């Protein structure tokens, strides 16, 4: 089961900080991050890729659903 991190409404650096915490605590390798700004989407994507995760971005209205999956 994926861990879900909802960082909508938060400004940087909080989305990155909360996503990093989820990455550090996650053991199953799949994390869903909900963001509501381009900046947060870019920063969380960069963090995830640097940690070895692939990122699948889905637009949901004005928000984004980022699916982070640990690389095998």
PDB file of N, CA and C in Angstrom:
ATOM      1  N   UNK A   1       0.841  -1.191   0.000  1.00  0.00           N
ATOM      2  CA  UNK A   1       0.000   0.000   0.000  1.00  0.00           C
ATOM      3  C   UNK A   1       0.881   1.248   0.000  1.00  0.00           C
ATOM      4  N   UNK A   2       0.546   2.191  -0.841  1.00  0.00           N
ATOM      5  CA  UNK A   2       1.342   3.408  -0.972  1.00  0.00           C
ATOM      6  C   UNK A   2       1.113   4.349   0.207  1.00  0.00           C
ATOM      7  N   UNK A   3       2.164   5.043   0.576  1.00  0.00           N
ATOM      8  CA  UNK A   3       2.077   6.098   1.577  1.00  0.00           C
ATOM      9  C   UNK A   3       1.588   7.342   0.845  1.00  0.00           C
ATOM     10  N   UNK A   4       0.672   8.098   1.454  1.00  0.00           N
ATOM     11  CA  UNK A   4       0.190   9.321   0.810  1.00  0.00           C
ATOM     12  C   UNK A   4       0.605  10.534   1.626  1.00  0.00           C
ATOM     13  N   UNK A   5       1.188  11.511   0.936  1.00  0.00           N
ATOM     14  CA  UNK A   5       1.633  12.752   1.565  1.00  0.00           C
ATOM     15  C   UNK A   5       0.862  13.894   0.911  1.00  0.00           C
ATOM     16  N   UNK A   6       0.050  14.601   1.690  1.00  0.00           N
ATOM     17  CA  UNK A   6      -0.735  15.711   1.165  1.00  0.00           C
ATOM     18  C   UNK A   6      -0.066  17.011   1.595  1.00  0.00           C
ATOM     19  N   UNK A   7       0.586  17.691   0.648  1.00  0.00           N
ATOM     20  CA  UNK A   7       1.279  18.936   0.966  1.00  0.00           C
ATOM     21  C   UNK A   7       0.626  20.128   0.250  1.00  0.00           C
ATOM     22  N   UNK A   8      -0.632  19.947  -0.149  1.00  0.00           N
ATOM     23  CA  UNK A   8      -1.357  21.053  -0.783  1.00  0.00           C
ATOM     24  C   UNK A   8      -1.521  22.191   0.215  1.00  0.00           C
ATOM     25  N   UNK A   9      -1.317  23.398  -0.266  1.00  0.00           N
ATOM     26  CA  UNK A   9      -1.469  24.573   0.597  1.00  0.00           C
ATOM     27  C   UNK A   9      -0.214  24.932   1.374  1.00  0.00           C
ATOM     28  N   UNK A  10       0.809  24.108   1.290  1.00  0.00           N
ATOM     29  CA  UNK A  10       2.052  24.396   2.001  1.00  0.00           C
ATOM     30  C   UNK A  10       3.044  25.047   1.046  1.00  0.00           C
ATOM     31  N   UNK A  11       3.846  25.970   1.563  1.00  0.00           N
ATOM     32  CA  UNK A  11       4.852  26.607   0.716  1.00  0.00           C
ATOM     33  C   UNK A  11       6.224  26.022   1.024  1.00  0.00           C
ATOM     34  N   UNK A  12       7.118  26.162   0.066  1.00  0.00           N
ATOM     35  CA  UNK A  12       8.460  25.601   0.204  1.00  0.00           C
ATOM     36  C   UNK A  12       9.145  26.211   1.412  1.00  0.00           C
ATOM     37  N   UNK A  13       9.918  25.430   2.126  1.00  0.00           N
ATOM     38  CA  UNK A  13      10.379  24.086   1.755  1.00  0.00           C
ATOM     39  C   UNK A  13       9.537  22.943   2.320  1.00  0.00           C
ATOM     40  N   UNK A  14       8.390  23.224   2.920  1.00  0.00           N
ATOM     41  CA  UNK A  14       7.623  22.168   3.600  1.00  0.00           C
ATOM     42  C   UNK A  14       7.256  20.971   2.723  1.00  0.00           C
ATOM     43  N   UNK A  15       6.814  21.158   1.473  1.00  0.00           N
ATOM     44  CA  UNK A  15       6.504  19.972   0.664  1.00  0.00           C
ATOM     45  C   UNK A  15       7.703  19.034   0.493  1.00  0.00           C
ATOM     46  N   UNK A  16       8.882  19.613   0.287  1.00  0.00           N
ATOM     47  CA  UNK A  16      10.088  18.801   0.131  1.00  0.00           C
ATOM     48  C   UNK A  16      10.450  18.127   1.451  1.00  0.00           C
ATOM     49  N   UNK A  17      10.353  18.871   2.551  1.00  0.00           N
ATOM     50  CA  UNK A  17      10.689  18.316   3.873  1.00  0.00           C
ATOM     51  C   UNK A  17       9.777  17.136   4.203  1.00  0.00           C
ATOM     52  N   UNK A  18       8.473  17.303   3.991  1.00  0.00           N
ATOM     53  CA  UNK A  18       7.519  16.226   4.310  1.00  0.00           C
ATOM     54  C   UNK A  18       7.697  15.029   3.367  1.00  0.00           C
ATOM     55  N   UNK A  19       7.995  15.292   2.091  1.00  0.00           N
ATOM     56  CA  UNK A  19       8.227  14.194   1.153  1.00  0.00           C
ATOM     57  C   UNK A  19       9.498  13.439   1.521  1.00  0.00           C
ATOM     58  N   UNK A  20      10.551  14.157   1.891  1.00  0.00           N
ATOM     59  CA  UNK A  20      11.809  13.511   2.291  1.00  0.00           C
ATOM     60  C   UNK A  20      11.584  12.623   3.511  1.00  0.00           C
ATOM     61  N   UNK A  21      10.797  13.108   4.467  1.00  0.00           N
ATOM     62  CA  UNK A  21      10.486  12.310   5.661  1.00  0.00           C
ATOM     63  C   UNK A  21       9.772  11.017   5.264  1.00  0.00           C
ATOM     64  N   UNK A  22       8.803  11.122   4.340  1.00  0.00           N
ATOM     65  CA  UNK A  22       8.082   9.934   3.879  1.00  0.00           C
ATOM     66  C   UNK A  22       9.020   8.971   3.165  1.00  0.00           C
ATOM     67  N   UNK A  23       9.928   9.508   2.343  1.00  0.00           N
ATOM     68  CA  UNK A  23      10.900   8.658   1.637  1.00  0.00           C
ATOM     69  C   UNK A  23      11.788   7.938   2.647  1.00  0.00           C
ATOM     70  N   UNK A  24      12.276   8.680   3.636  1.00  0.00           N
ATOM     71  CA  UNK A  24      13.167   8.086   4.642  1.00  0.00           C
ATOM     72  C   UNK A  24      12.466   7.011   5.465  1.00  0.00           C
ATOM     73  N   UNK A  25      11.157   7.151   5.689  1.00  0.00           N
ATOM     74  CA  UNK A  25      10.411   6.200   6.521  1.00  0.00           C
ATOM     75  C   UNK A  25       9.754   5.084   5.716  1.00  0.00           C
ATOM     76  N   UNK A  26       9.705   5.238   4.404  1.00  0.00           N
ATOM     77  CA  UNK A  26       8.995   4.272   3.563  1.00  0.00           C
ATOM     78  C   UNK A  26       9.831   3.029   3.327  1.00  0.00           C
ATOM     79  N   UNK A  27       9.172   1.884   3.419  1.00  0.00           N
ATOM     80  CA  UNK A  27       9.869   0.631   3.136  1.00  0.00           C
ATOM     81  C   UNK A  27       9.347  -0.037   1.873  1.00  0.00           C
ATOM     82  N   UNK A  28       8.128   0.325   1.439  1.00  0.00           N
ATOM     83  CA  UNK A  28       7.561  -0.373   0.289  1.00  0.00           C
ATOM     84  C   UNK A  28       7.907   0.276  -1.043  1.00  0.00           C
ATOM     85  N   UNK A  29       8.475   1.485  -1.005  1.00  0.00           N
ATOM     86  CA  UNK A  29       8.951   2.093  -2.231  1.00  0.00           C
ATOM     87  C   UNK A  29       7.933   2.816  -3.079  1.00  0.00           C
ATOM     88  N   UNK A  30       6.680   2.963  -2.612  1.00  0.00           N
ATOM     89  CA  UNK A  30       5.721   3.749  -3.391  1.00  0.00           C
ATOM     90  C   UNK A  30       5.088   4.815  -2.515  1.00  0.00           C
ATOM     91  N   UNK A  31       5.163   6.063  -2.999  1.00  0.00           N
ATOM     92  CA  UNK A  31       4.653   7.200  -2.242  1.00  0.00           C
ATOM     93  C   UNK A  31       3.834   8.065  -3.193  1.00  0.00           C
ATOM     94  N   UNK A  32       2.667   8.490  -2.756  1.00  0.00           N
ATOM     95  CA  UNK A  32       1.829   9.417  -3.512  1.00  0.00           C
ATOM     96  C   UNK A  32       1.949  10.777  -2.838  1.00  0.00           C
ATOM     97  N   UNK A  33       2.312  11.798  -3.613  1.00  0.00           N
ATOM     98  CA  UNK A  33       2.435  13.146  -3.068  1.00  0.00           C
ATOM     99  C   UNK A  33       1.441  14.049  -3.798  1.00  0.00           C
ATOM    100  N   UNK A  34       0.588  14.736  -3.036  1.00  0.00           N
ATOM    101  CA  UNK A  34      -0.395  15.657  -3.602  1.00  0.00           C
ATOM    102  C   UNK A  34       0.119  17.082  -3.423  1.00  0.00           C
ATOM    103  N   UNK A  35       0.314  17.794  -4.540  1.00  0.00           N
ATOM    104  CA  UNK A  35       0.814  19.170  -4.490  1.00  0.00           C
ATOM    105  C   UNK A  35      -0.123  20.083  -5.287  1.00  0.00           C
ATOM    106  N   UNK A  36      -0.034  21.385  -5.025  1.00  0.00           N
ATOM    107  CA  UNK A  36      -0.923  22.310  -5.722  1.00  0.00           C
ATOM    108  C   UNK A  36      -0.181  23.481  -6.364  1.00  0.00           C
ATOM    109  N   UNK A  37       1.119  23.292  -6.639  1.00  0.00           N
ATOM    110  CA  UNK A  37       1.852  24.347  -7.342  1.00  0.00           C
ATOM    111  C   UNK A  37       2.943  23.734  -8.215  1.00  0.00           C
ATOM    112  N   UNK A  38       3.264  24.459  -9.278  1.00  0.00           N
ATOM    113  CA  UNK A  38       4.331  24.019 -10.179  1.00  0.00           C
ATOM    114  C   UNK A  38       5.664  23.923  -9.432  1.00  0.00           C
ATOM    115  N   UNK A  39       5.939  24.893  -8.566  1.00  0.00           N
ATOM    116  CA  UNK A  39       7.204  24.911  -7.834  1.00  0.00           C
ATOM    117  C   UNK A  39       7.331  23.678  -6.948  1.00  0.00           C
ATOM    118  N   UNK A  40       6.266  23.360  -6.213  1.00  0.00           N
ATOM    119  CA  UNK A  40       6.296  22.175  -5.354  1.00  0.00           C
ATOM    120  C   UNK A  40       6.461  20.907  -6.196  1.00  0.00           C
ATOM    121  N   UNK A  41       5.762  20.849  -7.323  1.00  0.00           N
ATOM    122  CA  UNK A  41       5.870  19.681  -8.209  1.00  0.00           C
ATOM    123  C   UNK A  41       7.313  19.511  -8.667  1.00  0.00           C
ATOM    124  N   UNK A  42       7.943  20.584  -9.099  1.00  0.00           N
ATOM    125  CA  UNK A  42       9.323  20.516  -9.581  1.00  0.00           C
ATOM    126  C   UNK A  42      10.290  20.137  -8.470  1.00  0.00           C
ATOM    127  N   UNK A  43      10.135  20.746  -7.294  1.00  0.00           N
ATOM    128  CA  UNK A  43      11.051  20.483  -6.183  1.00  0.00           C
ATOM    129  C   UNK A  43      10.914  19.060  -5.654  1.00  0.00           C
ATOM    130  N   UNK A  44       9.675  18.575  -5.522  1.00  0.00           N
ATOM    131  CA  UNK A  44       9.452  17.209  -5.042  1.00  0.00           C
ATOM    132  C   UNK A  44       9.957  16.204  -6.075  1.00  0.00           C
ATOM    133  N   UNK A  45       9.726  16.494  -7.361  1.00  0.00           N
ATOM    134  CA  UNK A  45      10.226  15.609  -8.423  1.00  0.00           C
ATOM    135  C   UNK A  45      11.746  15.525  -8.372  1.00  0.00           C
ATOM    136  N   UNK A  46      12.406  16.655  -8.225  1.00  0.00           N
ATOM    137  CA  UNK A  46      13.874  16.679  -8.163  1.00  0.00           C
ATOM    138  C   UNK A  46      14.382  15.861  -6.973  1.00  0.00           C
ATOM    139  N   UNK A  47      13.767  16.059  -5.811  1.00  0.00           N
ATOM    140  CA  UNK A  47      14.152  15.304  -4.616  1.00  0.00           C
ATOM    141  C   UNK A  47      14.000  13.808  -4.858  1.00  0.00           C
ATOM    142  N   UNK A  48      12.839  13.406  -5.374  1.00  0.00           N
ATOM    143  CA  UNK A  48      12.558  11.984  -5.576  1.00  0.00           C
ATOM    144  C   UNK A  48      13.551  11.359  -6.555  1.00  0.00           C
ATOM    145  N   UNK A  49      13.822  12.046  -7.649  1.00  0.00           N
ATOM    146  CA  UNK A  49      14.763  11.510  -8.639  1.00  0.00           C
ATOM    147  C   UNK A  49      16.168  11.396  -8.054  1.00  0.00           C
ATOM    148  N   UNK A  50      16.561  12.361  -7.231  1.00  0.00           N
ATOM    149  CA  UNK A  50      17.875  12.298  -6.573  1.00  0.00           C
ATOM    150  C   UNK A  50      17.964  11.136  -5.591  1.00  0.00           C
ATOM    151  N   UNK A  51      16.809  10.705  -5.069  1.00  0.00           N
ATOM    152  CA  UNK A  51      16.772   9.584  -4.123  1.00  0.00           C
ATOM    153  C   UNK A  51      16.561   8.250  -4.837  1.00  0.00           C
ATOM    154  N   UNK A  52      16.540   8.256  -6.171  1.00  0.00           N
ATOM    155  CA  UNK A  52      16.418   7.008  -6.920  1.00  0.00           C
ATOM    156  C   UNK A  52      14.991   6.575  -7.214  1.00  0.00           C
ATOM    157  N   UNK A  53      14.054   7.510  -7.165  1.00  0.00           N
ATOM    158  CA  UNK A  53      12.652   7.210  -7.451  1.00  0.00           C
ATOM    159  C   UNK A  53      12.301   7.662  -8.862  1.00  0.00           C
ATOM    160  N   UNK A  54      11.407   6.915  -9.512  1.00  0.00           N
ATOM    161  CA  UNK A  54      10.810   7.413 -10.748  1.00  0.00           C
ATOM    162  C   UNK A  54       9.566   8.195 -10.341  1.00  0.00           C
ATOM    163  N   UNK A  55       9.201   9.179 -11.159  1.00  0.00           N
ATOM    164  CA  UNK A  55       8.074  10.050 -10.822  1.00  0.00           C
ATOM    165  C   UNK A  55       7.071  10.053 -11.966  1.00  0.00           C
ATOM    166  N   UNK A  56       5.829   9.711 -11.651  1.00  0.00           N
ATOM    167  CA  UNK A  56       4.737   9.754 -12.615  1.00  0.00           C
ATOM    168  C   UNK A  56       3.801  10.882 -12.171  1.00  0.00           C
ATOM    169  N   UNK A  57       3.639  11.895 -13.029  1.00  0.00           N
ATOM    170  CA  UNK A  57       2.836  13.073 -12.674  1.00  0.00           C
ATOM    171  C   UNK A  57       1.468  13.011 -13.345  1.00  0.00           C
ATOM    172  N   UNK A  58       0.424  13.161 -12.549  1.00  0.00           N
ATOM    173  CA  UNK A  58      -0.940  13.259 -13.076  1.00  0.00           C
ATOM    174  C   UNK A  58      -1.487  14.621 -12.686  1.00  0.00           C
ATOM    175  N   UNK A  59      -2.048  15.337 -13.659  1.00  0.00           N
ATOM    176  CA  UNK A  59      -2.700  16.616 -13.356  1.00  0.00           C
ATOM    177  C   UNK A  59      -4.138  16.347 -12.955  1.00  0.00           C
ATOM    178  N   UNK A  60      -4.551  16.956 -11.853  1.00  0.00           N
ATOM    179  CA  UNK A  60      -5.929  16.833 -11.388  1.00  0.00           C
ATOM    180  C   UNK A  60      -6.432  18.251 -11.167  1.00  0.00           C
ATOM    181  N   UNK A  61      -7.042  18.832 -12.197  1.00  0.00           N
ATOM    182  CA  UNK A  61      -7.460  20.225 -12.105  1.00  0.00           C
ATOM    183  C   UNK A  61      -6.230  21.108 -11.979  1.00  0.00           C
ATOM    184  N   UNK A  62      -6.194  21.919 -10.928  1.00  0.00           N
ATOM    185  CA  UNK A  62      -5.046  22.797 -10.687  1.00  0.00           C
ATOM    186  C   UNK A  62      -4.011  22.131  -9.791  1.00  0.00           C
ATOM    187  N   UNK A  63      -4.202  20.860  -9.498  1.00  0.00           N
ATOM    188  CA  UNK A  63      -3.308  20.159  -8.592  1.00  0.00           C
ATOM    189  C   UNK A  63      -2.580  19.034  -9.322  1.00  0.00           C
ATOM    190  N   UNK A  64      -1.586  18.473  -8.651  1.00  0.00           N
ATOM    191  CA  UNK A  64      -0.808  17.388  -9.229  1.00  0.00           C
ATOM    192  C   UNK A  64      -0.727  16.228  -8.258  1.00  0.00           C
ATOM    193  N   UNK A  65      -0.790  15.038  -8.810  1.00  0.00           N
ATOM    194  CA  UNK A  65      -0.629  13.811  -8.030  1.00  0.00           C
ATOM    195  C   UNK A  65       0.648  13.160  -8.529  1.00  0.00           C
ATOM    196  N   UNK A  66       1.650  13.132  -7.658  1.00  0.00           N
ATOM    197  CA  UNK A  66       2.940  12.567  -8.023  1.00  0.00           C
ATOM    198  C   UNK A  66       3.044  11.164  -7.446  1.00  0.00           C
ATOM    199  N   UNK A  67       3.272  10.197  -8.314  1.00  0.00           N
ATOM    200  CA  UNK A  67       3.459   8.836  -7.842  1.00  0.00           C
ATOM    201  C   UNK A  67       4.958   8.536  -7.897  1.00  0.00           C
ATOM    202  N   UNK A  68       5.541   8.372  -6.715  1.00  0.00           N
ATOM    203  CA  UNK A  68       6.971   8.093  -6.611  1.00  0.00           C
ATOM    204  C   UNK A  68       7.164   6.598  -6.426  1.00  0.00           C
ATOM    205  N   UNK A  69       7.992   6.026  -7.272  1.00  0.00           N
ATOM    206  CA  UNK A  69       8.216   4.584  -7.193  1.00  0.00           C
ATOM    207  C   UNK A  69       9.714   4.336  -7.130  1.00  0.00           C
ATOM    208  N   UNK A  70      10.121   3.559  -6.135  1.00  0.00           N
ATOM    209  CA  UNK A  70      11.544   3.258  -5.951  1.00  0.00           C
ATOM    210  C   UNK A  70      12.045   2.432  -7.111  1.00  0.00           C
ATOM    211  N   UNK A  71      13.171   2.845  -7.668  1.00  0.00           N
ATOM    212  CA  UNK A  71      13.772   2.101  -8.773  1.00  0.00           C
ATOM    213  C   UNK A  71      14.273   0.758  -8.303  1.00  0.00           C
ATOM    214  N   UNK A  72      14.102  -0.249  -9.162  1.00  0.00           N
ATOM    215  CA  UNK A  72      14.545  -1.594  -8.787  1.00  0.00           C
ATOM    216  C   UNK A  72      16.024  -1.738  -9.022  1.00  0.00           C
TER     217      UNK A  72
END
